[in-house]
Amino acid sequence: MKITRLCAATAIACAFLLNGCSLPVQPDHYAQQTPKLDIQRYFNGTLDVHGMFQNRAGTVEKRFTVLMRCSWNGDVGTLDEEFVYSDGARQRRVWTLRKVSEGRYIGTAPDVVGEAKVEVSGNAMRLQYVLALPVGDKVYNVDFDDWMYLIDDRVMLNRAQMSKFNLGLGSLTVVFNRRDAQGAR
């Protein structure tokens, strides 16, 4: 009986170890998911965004809203974001997205270090970048791994993990609401 329990415990431990070593999900995992995300269509016009930052313990540290005005000129998009934080602070970030191939874009913004890598497949988009994040009188380069999922024509959910030196710092949860053609929410 003890040998059977030991074998079962060993099998369970091995399963957890193997699961922990599995490869991370890639955007093509969502290739068959619908509705299909066309970022040149979705990020075109005005979007109302609501979000929150949680520290690594799960405590909500900051809440924010964003007014996004988006437009495209061929394969180059501009995403102009105006942030208002729960403490009254304001911030603006203007992204430029450039299509480099089917489902792949490069993103830049003044506070992004280098270029952001953008991959779109099915209903999902992954955005990976390093943000120069001011904290007090210092600036830290923080890694962001954003996953966005199109729910329907108007709503997209975003979950972002923030890390430094591969150590989790916290996460962002964001809801995008695309206004209709007449600007209604």
Protein backbone atom coordinates (compact mmCIF):
# COMPACT_ATOMS: atom_id res chain seq x y z
CA MET A 1 0.00 0.00 0.00
CA LYS A 2 2.84 2.42 0.88
CA ILE A 3 4.56 1.71 -2.46
CA THR A 4 1.33 2.50 -4.35
CA ARG A 5 0.99 5.82 -2.52
CA LEU A 6 4.64 6.62 -3.15
CA CYS A 7 4.20 5.86 -6.87
CA ALA A 8 1.05 8.01 -7.03
CA ALA A 9 2.76 10.90 -5.23
CA THR A 10 5.78 10.62 -7.55
CA ALA A 11 3.51 10.62 -10.63
CA ILE A 12 1.66 13.71 -9.40
CA ALA A 13 4.93 15.52 -8.63
CA CYS A 14 6.28 14.67 -12.09
CA ALA A 15 3.08 15.96 -13.71
CA PHE A 16 3.43 19.28 -11.87
CA LEU A 17 7.08 19.56 -12.85
CA LEU A 18 6.35 18.80 -16.51
CA ASN A 19 3.48 21.27 -16.54
CA GLY A 20 5.78 23.93 -15.07
CA CYS A 21 8.26 23.31 -17.87
CA SER A 22 5.70 23.55 -20.67
CA LEU A 23 6.25 26.11 -23.38
CA PRO A 24 4.34 29.38 -23.02
CA VAL A 25 1.26 29.92 -25.16
CA GLN A 26 1.93 31.65 -28.46
CA PRO A 27 -0.56 33.82 -30.41
CA ASP A 28 -1.08 31.13 -33.07
CA HIS A 29 -2.74 29.03 -30.35
CA TYR A 30 -5.77 31.32 -30.92
CA ALA A 31 -5.70 31.17 -34.75
CA GLN A 32 -9.14 29.54 -34.98
CA GLN A 33 -10.81 31.73 -32.34
CA THR A 34 -13.45 34.20 -33.39
CA PRO A 35 -14.27 36.96 -33.80
CA LYS A 36 -11.07 37.55 -35.78
CA LEU A 37 -9.12 40.58 -34.58
CA ASP A 38 -8.18 43.06 -37.29
CA ILE A 39 -6.23 45.68 -35.34
CA GLN A 40 -6.40 48.17 -38.21
CA ARG A 41 -10.19 48.01 -37.93
CA TYR A 42 -10.53 47.69 -34.15
CA PHE A 43 -8.01 50.43 -33.28
CA ASN A 44 -9.62 52.95 -35.61
CA GLY A 45 -11.78 55.68 -34.11
CA THR A 46 -12.34 56.39 -30.42
CA LEU A 47 -12.08 53.88 -27.59
CA ASP A 48 -12.91 54.23 -23.91
CA VAL A 49 -10.56 52.23 -21.71
CA HIS A 50 -10.77 51.28 -18.03
CA GLY A 51 -8.07 49.50 -16.08
CA MET A 52 -6.27 48.76 -12.86
CA PHE A 53 -2.78 47.85 -11.70
CA GLN A 54 -2.36 45.14 -9.08
CA ASN A 55 0.90 44.54 -7.25
CA ARG A 56 2.32 41.02 -7.04
CA ALA A 57 0.25 40.34 -3.90
CA GLY A 58 -2.93 41.17 -5.83
CA THR A 59 -3.69 44.48 -4.14
CA VAL A 60 -5.12 47.13 -6.46
CA GLU A 61 -2.61 49.99 -6.37
CA LYS A 62 -3.95 52.22 -9.17
CA ARG A 63 -7.05 52.57 -11.29
CA PHE A 64 -7.22 54.53 -14.52
CA THR A 65 -9.25 55.52 -17.55
CA VAL A 66 -7.91 56.21 -21.02
CA LEU A 67 -9.38 58.03 -23.96
CA MET A 68 -7.85 56.53 -27.11
CA ARG A 69 -8.05 58.21 -30.49
CA CYS A 70 -6.82 55.88 -33.21
CA SER A 71 -6.22 56.25 -36.94
CA TRP A 72 -4.39 54.53 -39.78
CA ASN A 73 -2.61 55.76 -42.85
CA GLY A 74 -2.08 52.62 -44.92
CA ASP A 75 -0.14 50.15 -42.76
CA VAL A 76 0.91 52.75 -40.15
CA GLY A 77 -1.36 53.37 -37.18
CA THR A 78 -1.39 56.06 -34.49
CA LEU A 79 -2.89 55.24 -31.09
CA ASP A 80 -3.09 58.44 -29.02
CA GLU A 81 -3.79 57.58 -25.37
CA GLU A 82 -4.79 60.09 -22.68
CA PHE A 83 -4.58 58.50 -19.21
CA VAL A 84 -6.33 59.79 -16.08
CA TYR A 85 -5.33 57.95 -12.89
CA SER A 86 -7.40 57.54 -9.72
CA ASP A 87 -5.04 59.93 -7.88
CA GLY A 88 -5.69 62.66 -10.48
CA ALA A 89 -2.38 62.24 -12.32
CA ARG A 90 -2.48 62.49 -16.11
CA GLN A 91 -0.27 60.97 -18.78
CA ARG A 92 -0.19 60.78 -22.56
CA ARG A 93 1.33 58.05 -24.71
CA VAL A 94 1.26 58.03 -28.50
CA TRP A 95 1.93 54.66 -30.10
CA THR A 96 2.94 54.21 -33.73
CA LEU A 97 2.24 50.74 -35.10
CA ARG A 98 3.76 49.63 -38.39
CA LYS A 99 2.67 46.45 -40.16
CA VAL A 100 5.70 44.34 -41.14
CA SER A 101 3.91 41.18 -42.35
CA GLU A 102 0.58 39.41 -41.99
CA GLY A 103 -0.33 39.46 -38.28
CA ARG A 104 2.93 41.15 -37.25
CA TYR A 105 3.55 44.76 -36.32
CA ILE A 106 6.29 46.84 -34.74
CA GLY A 107 5.27 49.44 -32.16
CA THR A 108 7.07 52.51 -30.88
CA ALA A 109 6.26 55.21 -28.32
CA PRO A 110 8.43 57.85 -26.64
CA ASP A 111 8.58 55.95 -23.32
CA VAL A 112 9.06 52.50 -24.90
CA VAL A 113 12.66 51.31 -24.95
CA GLY A 114 13.42 50.07 -28.46
CA GLU A 115 10.54 48.50 -30.35
CA ALA A 116 7.46 46.63 -29.20
CA LYS A 117 6.76 43.29 -30.85
CA VAL A 118 3.10 42.81 -31.82
CA GLU A 119 1.61 39.50 -32.99
CA VAL A 120 -2.04 38.98 -33.94
CA SER A 121 -3.74 35.62 -34.51
CA GLY A 122 -7.44 34.75 -34.39
CA ASN A 123 -9.06 36.84 -31.66
CA ALA A 124 -5.79 37.46 -29.78
CA MET A 125 -2.97 39.98 -29.81
CA ARG A 126 0.31 39.79 -27.90
CA LEU A 127 2.30 42.95 -27.30
CA GLN A 128 5.78 42.63 -25.75
CA TYR A 129 7.86 45.68 -24.88
CA VAL A 130 10.03 47.45 -22.32
CA LEU A 131 8.56 50.59 -20.78
CA ALA A 132 10.65 53.33 -19.14
CA LEU A 133 8.47 53.65 -16.04
CA PRO A 134 8.97 56.68 -13.74
CA VAL A 135 8.69 55.88 -10.03
CA GLY A 136 9.37 58.86 -7.81
CA ASP A 137 12.57 60.51 -9.07
CA LYS A 138 13.85 57.34 -10.80
CA VAL A 139 13.01 55.60 -14.07
CA TYR A 140 12.94 51.81 -14.30
CA ASN A 141 12.88 49.75 -17.49
CA VAL A 142 10.05 47.27 -16.94
CA ASP A 143 9.13 44.33 -19.20
CA PHE A 144 5.50 44.15 -20.29
CA ASP A 145 3.79 41.09 -21.74
CA ASP A 146 0.29 42.15 -22.86
CA TRP A 147 -2.34 39.69 -24.07
CA MET A 148 -5.50 41.16 -25.61
CA TYR A 149 -8.59 39.15 -26.54
CA LEU A 150 -11.38 40.44 -28.77
CA ILE A 151 -14.72 39.54 -27.17
CA ASP A 152 -17.00 41.13 -29.77
CA ASP A 153 -16.92 44.07 -32.23
CA ARG A 154 -16.72 46.60 -29.40
CA VAL A 155 -15.09 44.93 -26.37
CA MET A 156 -11.53 43.70 -25.93
CA LEU A 157 -9.99 42.44 -22.67
CA ASN A 158 -6.32 42.91 -21.84
CA ARG A 159 -4.18 41.19 -19.22
CA ALA A 160 -0.59 42.38 -18.88
CA GLN A 161 2.21 41.01 -16.73
CA MET A 162 4.95 43.36 -15.58
CA SER A 163 8.40 42.10 -14.61
CA LYS A 164 11.98 43.18 -14.01
CA PHE A 165 14.86 40.69 -14.19
CA ASN A 166 12.20 37.98 -14.78
CA LEU A 167 10.62 38.72 -11.38
CA GLY A 168 6.90 39.55 -11.40
CA LEU A 169 6.08 43.09 -10.31
CA GLY A 170 2.34 43.02 -10.86
CA SER A 171 -0.34 42.96 -13.50
CA LEU A 172 -2.70 45.18 -15.41
CA THR A 173 -6.30 44.33 -16.21
CA VAL A 174 -7.81 46.51 -18.93
CA VAL A 175 -11.14 46.69 -20.78
CA PHE A 176 -11.32 48.42 -24.17
CA ASN A 177 -14.71 49.65 -25.40
CA ARG A 178 -14.82 50.78 -29.00
CA ARG A 179 -17.35 53.50 -29.78
CA ASP A 180 -19.64 53.00 -32.75
CA ALA A 181 -19.27 54.93 -36.02
CA GLN A 182 -21.39 57.79 -34.63
CA GLY A 183 -19.18 58.06 -31.53
CA ALA A 184 -21.72 56.52 -29.16
CA ARG A 185 -20.45 54.45 -26.25
